C-alpha atoms as a PDB file:
ATOM      1  CA  MET A   1      75.076 113.591  99.356  1.00  0.00           C
ATOM      2  CA  LEU A   2      73.366 116.865 100.266  1.00  0.00           C
ATOM      3  CA  ASN A   3      70.938 114.877 102.397  1.00  0.00           C
ATOM      4  CA  MET A   4      73.875 113.270 104.183  1.00  0.00           C
ATOM      5  CA  LEU A   5      75.424 116.666 104.892  1.00  0.00           C
ATOM      6  CA  MET A   6      72.080 117.898 106.206  1.00  0.00           C
ATOM      7  CA  LEU A   7      71.973 114.862 108.472  1.00  0.00           C
ATOM      8  CA  ILE A   8      75.477 115.620 109.723  1.00  0.00           C
ATOM      9  CA  SER A   9      74.817 119.286 110.322  1.00  0.00           C
ATOM     10  CA  HIS A  10      71.669 118.546 112.324  1.00  0.00           C
ATOM     11  CA  ALA A  11      72.448 115.156 113.860  1.00  0.00           C
ATOM     12  CA  SER A  12      73.974 116.524 117.041  1.00  0.00           C
ATOM     13  CA  HIS A  13      71.261 119.123 117.776  1.00  0.00           C
ATOM     14  CA  GLY A  14      68.318 118.058 119.885  1.00  0.00           C
ATOM     15  CA  GLY A  15      65.714 119.586 122.145  1.00  0.00           C
ATOM     16  CA  ARG A  16      63.366 120.891 119.448  1.00  0.00           C
ATOM     17  CA  ASN A  17      59.689 120.137 119.607  1.00  0.00           C
ATOM     18  CA  ASP A  18      59.514 119.552 115.834  1.00  0.00           C
ATOM     19  CA  GLU A  19      62.151 116.857 115.510  1.00  0.00           C
ATOM     20  CA  THR A  20      63.422 116.495 111.950  1.00  0.00           C
ATOM     21  CA  VAL A  21      64.142 113.205 110.230  1.00  0.00           C
ATOM     22  CA  ALA A  22      67.868 113.943 110.516  1.00  0.00           C
ATOM     23  CA  GLU A  23      67.566 114.561 114.237  1.00  0.00           C
ATOM     24  CA  GLY A  24      65.473 111.412 114.599  1.00  0.00           C
ATOM     25  CA  ILE A  25      68.187 109.367 112.909  1.00  0.00           C
ATOM     26  CA  GLY A  26      70.807 111.005 115.093  1.00  0.00           C
ATOM     27  CA  ARG A  27      68.819 110.205 118.213  1.00  0.00           C
ATOM     28  CA  PHE A  28      68.313 106.607 117.049  1.00  0.00           C
ATOM     29  CA  LEU A  29      72.045 106.181 116.522  1.00  0.00           C
ATOM     30  CA  GLY A  30      72.739 107.693 119.919  1.00  0.00           C
ATOM     31  CA  GLU A  31      70.349 105.293 121.591  1.00  0.00           C
ATOM     32  CA  ASN A  32      71.823 102.356 119.693  1.00  0.00           C
ATOM     33  CA  TYR A  33      75.505 103.208 119.945  1.00  0.00           C
ATOM     34  CA  MET A  34      76.545  99.541 120.251  1.00  0.00           C
ATOM     35  CA  LEU A  35      74.879  98.847 116.894  1.00  0.00           C
ATOM     36  CA  THR A  36      77.228 101.301 115.182  1.00  0.00           C
ATOM     37  CA  TYR A  37      80.141  99.710 117.023  1.00  0.00           C
ATOM     38  CA  PHE A  38      79.294  96.276 115.617  1.00  0.00           C
ATOM     39  CA  LEU A  39      78.744  97.775 112.161  1.00  0.00           C
ATOM     40  CA  CYS A  40      82.279  99.163 112.325  1.00  0.00           C
ATOM     41  CA  ILE A  41      83.656  95.746 113.274  1.00  0.00           C
ATOM     42  CA  ALA A  42      81.774  94.137 110.383  1.00  0.00           C
ATOM     43  CA  ALA A  43      83.118  96.783 107.998  1.00  0.00           C
ATOM     44  CA  PHE A  44      86.705  96.170 109.127  1.00  0.00           C
ATOM     45  CA  ILE A  45      86.262  92.423 108.608  1.00  0.00           C
ATOM     46  CA  PHE A  46      84.882  93.094 105.126  1.00  0.00           C
ATOM     47  CA  ALA A  47      87.871  95.327 104.359  1.00  0.00           C
ATOM     48  CA  ALA A  48      90.312  92.670 105.554  1.00  0.00           C
ATOM     49  CA  ILE A  49      88.652  90.075 103.328  1.00  0.00           C
ATOM     50  CA  CYS A  50      88.829  92.409 100.305  1.00  0.00           C
ATOM     51  CA  SER A  51      92.490  93.164 100.983  1.00  0.00           C
ATOM     52  CA  ALA A  52      93.313  89.464 101.188  1.00  0.00           C
ATOM     53  CA  LYS A  53      91.293  88.833  98.032  1.00  0.00           C
ATOM     54  CA  VAL A  54      93.193  91.372  95.945  1.00  0.00           C
ATOM     55  CA  ASN A  55      96.529  89.982  97.099  1.00  0.00           C
ATOM     56  CA  THR A  56      95.607  86.360  96.397  1.00  0.00           C
ATOM     57  CA  THR A  57      94.061  87.249  93.033  1.00  0.00           C
ATOM     58  CA  PHE A  58      97.086  89.282  91.955  1.00  0.00           C
ATOM     59  CA  SER A  59      99.418  86.532  93.137  1.00  0.00           C
ATOM     60  CA  LYS A  60      97.443  83.918  91.187  1.00  0.00           C
ATOM     61  CA  TYR A  61      97.413  85.771  87.879  1.00  0.00           C
ATOM     62  CA  SER A  62     100.928  87.166  88.235  1.00  0.00           C
ATOM     63  CA  LYS A  63     102.059  83.608  87.473  1.00  0.00           C
ATOM     64  CA  LEU A  64     100.360  83.683  84.059  1.00  0.00           C
ATOM     65  CA  ASN A  65     102.225  85.579  81.331  1.00  0.00           C
ATOM     66  CA  SER A  66     100.549  87.151  78.331  1.00  0.00           C
ATOM     67  CA  GLY A  67     100.980  85.638  74.893  1.00  0.00           C
ATOM     68  CA  THR A  68     102.526  88.860  73.567  1.00  0.00           C
ATOM     69  CA  HIS A  69     105.207  88.818  76.307  1.00  0.00           C
ATOM     70  CA  LEU A  70     104.951  92.598  76.533  1.00  0.00           C
ATOM     71  CA  GLN A  71     106.039  94.003  79.893  1.00  0.00           C
ATOM     72  CA  ALA A  72     103.600  96.166  81.829  1.00  0.00           C
ATOM     73  CA  TRP A  73     105.569  99.372  81.248  1.00  0.00           C
ATOM     74  CA  GLN A  74     105.544  98.678  77.505  1.00  0.00           C
ATOM     75  CA  VAL A  75     101.792  98.144  77.590  1.00  0.00           C
ATOM     76  CA  ALA A  76     101.367 101.405  79.490  1.00  0.00           C
ATOM     77  CA  ARG A  77     103.537 103.266  76.981  1.00  0.00           C
ATOM     78  CA  GLN A  78     101.572 101.817  74.057  1.00  0.00           C
ATOM     79  CA  ILE A  79      98.187 102.748  75.534  1.00  0.00           C
ATOM     80  CA  LEU A  80      99.325 106.274  76.408  1.00  0.00           C
ATOM     81  CA  ASP A  81     100.824 106.869  72.964  1.00  0.00           C
ATOM     82  CA  ASN A  82      97.749 105.523  71.210  1.00  0.00           C
ATOM     83  CA  ASN A  83      95.714 108.123  73.135  1.00  0.00           C
ATOM     84  CA  GLY A  84      98.092 110.944  72.283  1.00  0.00           C
ATOM     85  CA  LEU A  85      99.487 111.181  75.825  1.00  0.00           C
ATOM     86  CA  TYR A  86     103.135 111.392  74.761  1.00  0.00           C
ATOM     87  CA  ASP A  87     103.893 113.838  77.587  1.00  0.00           C
ATOM     88  CA  VAL A  88     102.989 111.284  80.282  1.00  0.00           C
ATOM     89  CA  SER A  89     106.085 109.431  81.498  1.00  0.00           C
ATOM     90  CA  VAL A  90     106.111 105.862  82.804  1.00  0.00           C
ATOM     91  CA  VAL A  91     108.453 105.269  85.739  1.00  0.00           C
ATOM     92  CA  HIS A  92     109.365 102.493  88.163  1.00  0.00           C
ATOM     93  CA  ILE A  93     108.646 102.938  91.888  1.00  0.00           C
ATOM     94  CA  SER A  94     109.340 100.632  94.793  1.00  0.00           C
ATOM     95  CA  GLY A  95     106.674  98.694  96.656  1.00  0.00           C
ATOM     96  CA  HIS A  96     103.968  96.143  95.992  1.00  0.00           C
ATOM     97  CA  LEU A  97     100.866  97.394  94.181  1.00  0.00           C
ATOM     98  CA  THR A  98     101.804 101.022  94.880  1.00  0.00           C
ATOM     99  CA  ASP A  99     100.937 101.916  91.298  1.00  0.00           C
ATOM    100  CA  LYS A 100      99.476 105.370  90.707  1.00  0.00           C
ATOM    101  CA  TYR A 101      99.038 108.198  88.245  1.00  0.00           C
ATOM    102  CA  ASP A 102     100.118 111.712  89.201  1.00  0.00           C
ATOM    103  CA  PRO A 103      98.148 114.181  87.037  1.00  0.00           C
ATOM    104  CA  THR A 104     100.088 117.194  88.304  1.00  0.00           C
ATOM    105  CA  ASN A 105     103.439 115.957  87.034  1.00  0.00           C
ATOM    106  CA  LYS A 106     101.960 113.632  84.393  1.00  0.00           C
ATOM    107  CA  VAL A 107     103.813 110.607  85.735  1.00  0.00           C
ATOM    108  CA  LEU A 108     102.466 107.062  85.684  1.00  0.00           C
ATOM    109  CA  SER A 109     104.276 105.009  88.321  1.00  0.00           C
ATOM    110  CA  LEU A 110     104.372 101.222  88.242  1.00  0.00           C
ATOM    111  CA  SER A 111     105.498  99.179  91.239  1.00  0.00           C
ATOM    112  CA  ASP A 112     108.125  96.441  91.594  1.00  0.00           C
ATOM    113  CA  SER A 113     105.555  93.700  91.049  1.00  0.00           C
ATOM    114  CA  VAL A 114     104.129  95.356  87.936  1.00  0.00           C
ATOM    115  CA  TYR A 115     106.684  97.438  86.026  1.00  0.00           C
ATOM    116  CA  ASP A 116     108.738  94.825  84.171  1.00  0.00           C
ATOM    117  CA  SER A 117     106.286  91.934  84.525  1.00  0.00           C
ATOM    118  CA  SER A 118     104.487  90.464  81.525  1.00  0.00           C
ATOM    119  CA  SER A 119     101.868  88.741  83.681  1.00  0.00           C
ATOM    120  CA  LEU A 120      98.154  89.141  83.037  1.00  0.00           C
ATOM    121  CA  ALA A 121      97.705  90.715  86.475  1.00  0.00           C
ATOM    122  CA  ALA A 122     100.463  93.296  85.962  1.00  0.00           C
ATOM    123  CA  ILE A 123      99.201  94.250  82.508  1.00  0.00           C
ATOM    124  CA  GLY A 124      95.711  94.730  83.917  1.00  0.00           C
ATOM    125  CA  VAL A 125      97.034  97.039  86.638  1.00  0.00           C
ATOM    126  CA  ALA A 126      99.127  99.056  84.164  1.00  0.00           C
ATOM    127  CA  ALA A 127      96.142  99.487  81.851  1.00  0.00           C
ATOM    128  CA  HIS A 128      94.018 100.602  84.811  1.00  0.00           C
ATOM    129  CA  GLU A 129      96.484 103.382  85.684  1.00  0.00           C
ATOM    130  CA  CYS A 130      96.479 104.420  82.033  1.00  0.00           C
ATOM    131  CA  GLY A 131      92.717 104.689  82.420  1.00  0.00           C
ATOM    132  CA  HIS A 132      93.259 107.384  85.049  1.00  0.00           C
ATOM    133  CA  ALA A 133      95.629 109.275  82.769  1.00  0.00           C
ATOM    134  CA  ILE A 134      93.021 109.183  79.993  1.00  0.00           C
ATOM    135  CA  GLN A 135      90.312 110.341  82.425  1.00  0.00           C
ATOM    136  CA  HIS A 136      92.342 113.444  83.276  1.00  0.00           C
ATOM    137  CA  ALA A 137      93.161 114.124  79.634  1.00  0.00           C
ATOM    138  CA  ARG A 138      89.512 113.798  78.558  1.00  0.00           C
ATOM    139  CA  GLY A 139      88.139 115.853  81.446  1.00  0.00           C
ATOM    140  CA  TYR A 140      86.146 113.009  83.009  1.00  0.00           C
ATOM    141  CA  MET A 141      83.738 114.802  85.364  1.00  0.00           C
ATOM    142  CA  PRO A 142      83.889 112.498  88.438  1.00  0.00           C
ATOM    143  CA  ILE A 143      87.665 112.820  88.550  1.00  0.00           C
ATOM    144  CA  LYS A 144      87.322 116.609  88.395  1.00  0.00           C
ATOM    145  CA  ILE A 145      84.948 116.457  91.355  1.00  0.00           C
ATOM    146  CA  ARG A 146      87.302 114.158  93.259  1.00  0.00           C
ATOM    147  CA  THR A 147      90.249 116.488  92.611  1.00  0.00           C
ATOM    148  CA  ALA A 148      88.240 119.434  93.925  1.00  0.00           C
ATOM    149  CA  ILE A 149      87.395 117.533  97.118  1.00  0.00           C
ATOM    150  CA  VAL A 150      90.989 116.427  97.809  1.00  0.00           C
ATOM    151  CA  PRO A 151      92.019 119.482  99.928  1.00  0.00           C
ATOM    152  CA  LEU A 152      88.987 119.196 102.209  1.00  0.00           C
ATOM    153  CA  ALA A 153      89.348 115.412 102.426  1.00  0.00           C
ATOM    154  CA  ASN A 154      93.018 115.756 103.407  1.00  0.00           C
ATOM    155  CA  ILE A 155      92.216 118.326 106.086  1.00  0.00           C
ATOM    156  CA  GLY A 156      89.324 116.201 107.296  1.00  0.00           C
ATOM    157  CA  SER A 157      91.357 112.993 107.578  1.00  0.00           C
ATOM    158  CA  ARG A 158      94.080 114.743 109.597  1.00  0.00           C
ATOM    159  CA  ALA A 159      92.038 117.008 111.843  1.00  0.00           C
ATOM    160  CA  TYR A 160      88.571 115.537 112.358  1.00  0.00           C
ATOM    161  CA  PHE A 161      89.480 113.290 115.312  1.00  0.00           C
ATOM    162  CA  TYR A 162      91.218 115.981 117.361  1.00  0.00           C
ATOM    163  CA  ILE A 163      88.469 118.534 116.763  1.00  0.00           C
ATOM    164  CA  PHE A 164      85.764 115.991 117.553  1.00  0.00           C
ATOM    165  CA  LEU A 165      87.583 114.796 120.697  1.00  0.00           C
ATOM    166  CA  ILE A 166      88.091 118.323 122.030  1.00  0.00           C
ATOM    167  CA  GLY A 167      84.400 119.003 121.426  1.00  0.00           C
ATOM    168  CA  ILE A 168      83.411 115.863 123.350  1.00  0.00           C
ATOM    169  CA  VAL A 169      85.777 116.499 126.272  1.00  0.00           C
ATOM    170  CA  PHE A 170      84.810 120.162 126.734  1.00  0.00           C
ATOM    171  CA  THR A 171      81.156 119.722 125.683  1.00  0.00           C
ATOM    172  CA  LEU A 172      81.479 122.107 122.740  1.00  0.00           C
ATOM    173  CA  ASP A 173      78.807 121.094 120.257  1.00  0.00           C
ATOM    174  CA  PHE A 174      80.138 123.298 117.468  1.00  0.00           C
ATOM    175  CA  LEU A 175      83.482 121.458 117.569  1.00  0.00           C
ATOM    176  CA  VAL A 176      81.751 118.082 117.707  1.00  0.00           C
ATOM    177  CA  ASN A 177      79.738 119.018 114.619  1.00  0.00           C
ATOM    178  CA  ALA A 178      82.814 120.452 112.891  1.00  0.00           C
ATOM    179  CA  GLY A 179      84.671 117.191 113.427  1.00  0.00           C
ATOM    180  CA  ILE A 180      81.775 115.195 111.984  1.00  0.00           C
ATOM    181  CA  ILE A 181      81.476 117.480 108.951  1.00  0.00           C
ATOM    182  CA  LEU A 182      85.231 117.277 108.298  1.00  0.00           C
ATOM    183  CA  PHE A 183      85.088 113.504 108.340  1.00  0.00           C
ATOM    184  CA  ALA A 184      82.069 113.636 106.018  1.00  0.00           C
ATOM    185  CA  PHE A 185      84.350 115.085 103.342  1.00  0.00           C
ATOM    186  CA  VAL A 186      86.544 111.991 103.695  1.00  0.00           C
ATOM    187  CA  VAL A 187      83.480 109.832 103.093  1.00  0.00           C
ATOM    188  CA  LEU A 188      82.405 112.030 100.169  1.00  0.00           C
ATOM    189  CA  PHE A 189      85.869 111.707  98.613  1.00  0.00           C
ATOM    190  CA  GLN A 190      85.731 107.917  98.863  1.00  0.00           C
ATOM    191  CA  LEU A 191      82.203 107.891  97.456  1.00  0.00           C
ATOM    192  CA  VAL A 192      83.275 109.872  94.379  1.00  0.00           C
ATOM    193  CA  THR A 193      86.339 107.629  94.042  1.00  0.00           C
ATOM    194  CA  LEU A 194      84.143 104.603  93.260  1.00  0.00           C
ATOM    195  CA  PRO A 195      82.951 105.689  89.777  1.00  0.00           C
ATOM    196  CA  VAL A 196      86.478 106.935  89.022  1.00  0.00           C
ATOM    197  CA  GLU A 197      88.025 103.551  89.798  1.00  0.00           C
ATOM    198  CA  PHE A 198      85.333 101.469  88.111  1.00  0.00           C
ATOM    199  CA  ASN A 199      85.512 103.653  85.005  1.00  0.00           C
ATOM    200  CA  ALA A 200      89.315 103.339  84.860  1.00  0.00           C
ATOM    201  CA  SER A 201      88.979  99.554  85.010  1.00  0.00           C
ATOM    202  CA  SER A 202      86.300  99.590  82.315  1.00  0.00           C
ATOM    203  CA  ARG A 203      88.533 101.694  80.061  1.00  0.00           C
ATOM    204  CA  ALA A 204      91.424  99.320  80.759  1.00  0.00           C
ATOM    205  CA  MET A 205      89.502  96.203  79.754  1.00  0.00           C
ATOM    206  CA  LYS A 206      88.145  97.792  76.563  1.00  0.00           C
ATOM    207  CA  THR A 207      91.646  98.956  75.619  1.00  0.00           C
ATOM    208  CA  LEU A 208      93.273  95.594  76.300  1.00  0.00           C
ATOM    209  CA  GLU A 209      90.713  93.952  74.044  1.00  0.00           C
ATOM    210  CA  SER A 210      90.480  96.550  71.251  1.00  0.00           C
ATOM    211  CA  GLU A 211      94.241  96.960  70.914  1.00  0.00           C
ATOM    212  CA  LEU A 212      94.762  93.180  71.036  1.00  0.00           C
ATOM    213  CA  ILE A 213      97.173  93.504  73.949  1.00  0.00           C
ATOM    214  CA  LEU A 214      95.566  90.437  75.507  1.00  0.00           C
ATOM    215  CA  GLN A 215      93.892  87.542  73.781  1.00  0.00           C
ATOM    216  CA  ARG A 216      90.213  86.896  74.467  1.00  0.00           C
ATOM    217  CA  GLU A 217      90.987  83.950  76.758  1.00  0.00           C
ATOM    218  CA  GLU A 218      93.416  86.110  78.750  1.00  0.00           C
ATOM    219  CA  LEU A 219      90.979  88.945  79.457  1.00  0.00           C
ATOM    220  CA  PRO A 220      89.101  87.257  82.364  1.00  0.00           C
ATOM    221  CA  ALA A 221      92.306  87.065  84.421  1.00  0.00           C
ATOM    222  CA  ALA A 222      92.931  90.802  84.054  1.00  0.00           C
ATOM    223  CA  ARG A 223      89.261  91.536  84.767  1.00  0.00           C
ATOM    224  CA  LYS A 224      89.267  89.459  87.950  1.00  0.00           C
ATOM    225  CA  THR A 225      92.406  91.253  89.150  1.00  0.00           C
ATOM    226  CA  LEU A 226      90.847  94.668  88.573  1.00  0.00           C
ATOM    227  CA  ASN A 227      87.507  93.658  90.110  1.00  0.00           C
ATOM    228  CA  ALA A 228      89.273  92.455  93.255  1.00  0.00           C
ATOM    229  CA  ALA A 229      91.164  95.741  93.458  1.00  0.00           C
ATOM    230  CA  ALA A 230      87.945  97.728  92.972  1.00  0.00           C
ATOM    231  CA  MET A 231      86.335  95.992  95.942  1.00  0.00           C
ATOM    232  CA  THR A 232      89.025  97.429  98.223  1.00  0.00           C
ATOM    233  CA  TYR A 233      87.620 100.896  97.428  1.00  0.00           C
ATOM    234  CA  VAL A 234      84.118  99.693  98.254  1.00  0.00           C
ATOM    235  CA  ALA A 235      85.481  98.318 101.530  1.00  0.00           C
ATOM    236  CA  SER A 236      87.226 101.612 102.368  1.00  0.00           C
ATOM    237  CA  LEU A 237      83.994 103.514 101.809  1.00  0.00           C
ATOM    238  CA  THR A 238      82.104 101.037 103.998  1.00  0.00           C
ATOM    239  CA  VAL A 239      84.611 101.420 106.825  1.00  0.00           C
ATOM    240  CA  SER A 240      84.512 105.218 106.647  1.00  0.00           C
ATOM    241  CA  PHE A 241      80.727 105.387 106.432  1.00  0.00           C
ATOM    242  CA  THR A 242      80.243 103.174 109.490  1.00  0.00           C
ATOM    243  CA  GLN A 243      82.828 105.307 111.309  1.00  0.00           C
ATOM    244  CA  LEU A 244      80.789 108.394 110.389  1.00  0.00           C
ATOM    245  CA  LEU A 245      77.687 106.751 111.859  1.00  0.00           C
ATOM    246  CA  ARG A 246      79.641 105.975 115.022  1.00  0.00           C
ATOM    247  CA  LEU A 247      80.731 109.616 115.372  1.00  0.00           C
ATOM    248  CA  ILE A 248      77.131 110.785 115.007  1.00  0.00           C
ATOM    249  CA  ALA A 249      76.005 108.152 117.512  1.00  0.00           C
ATOM    250  CA  LEU A 250      78.660 109.194 120.018  1.00  0.00           C
ATOM    251  CA  ALA A 251      77.700 112.853 119.644  1.00  0.00           C
ATOM    252  CA  ASN A 252      74.035 112.076 120.326  1.00  0.00           C
ATOM    253  CA  ARG A 253      74.765 109.590 123.098  1.00  0.00           C
ATOM    254  CA  ARG A 254      75.760 112.478 125.375  1.00  0.00           C
ATOM    255  CA  LYS A 255      72.331 114.094 125.239  1.00  0.00           C
END
């Protein structure tokens, strides 16, 4: 990631006799701006496919109920209690697949399609969110890193475009570079999110099996649901990374 930040910090500076690798990449992107444009289109198509996949997979396995007939909120409560997380509350929130864990308030929220469902898909999602609660409780390092990046990622996602645009319009390289660096923190946040999400799913599957919440023949359905959901995070990172390349290309295209 440090190499990427070096690339970003140098990508928009040219005119030196000893051109660095980072500057060479920046120049290449500037000269091939349309390539980055098509990469962005391909990334958006990939993201759309992943989004459709998670919805169809969840819909498919939401029709199959577990043999225990436990509802997702009951599964979540059982997993949390078995890990000593009695202070984490499980609540119902509106929406479809809006499930989340809030570490600040220690609240695990399950959506309309998950909370009181006993389907294999819903139980998989509930166990996944419990995985996040356990990560925070155990001090899982990637989630600590992600939490530390959140403020910069939030600022970057809100401000990068305006700062970058002002820099382009008024030919202010320092603002152009600032906009690119701010957006890089968004990409970094999404990059760190990948191991966090995959680890939460791994914890979920191990827990569902070890605590006999799902039978062996039921586990693949939950795993497929979680794998489909995980690919949406891969897609988001792909979209953001190609957008970062496009910003660098646009910055160098002016030179």
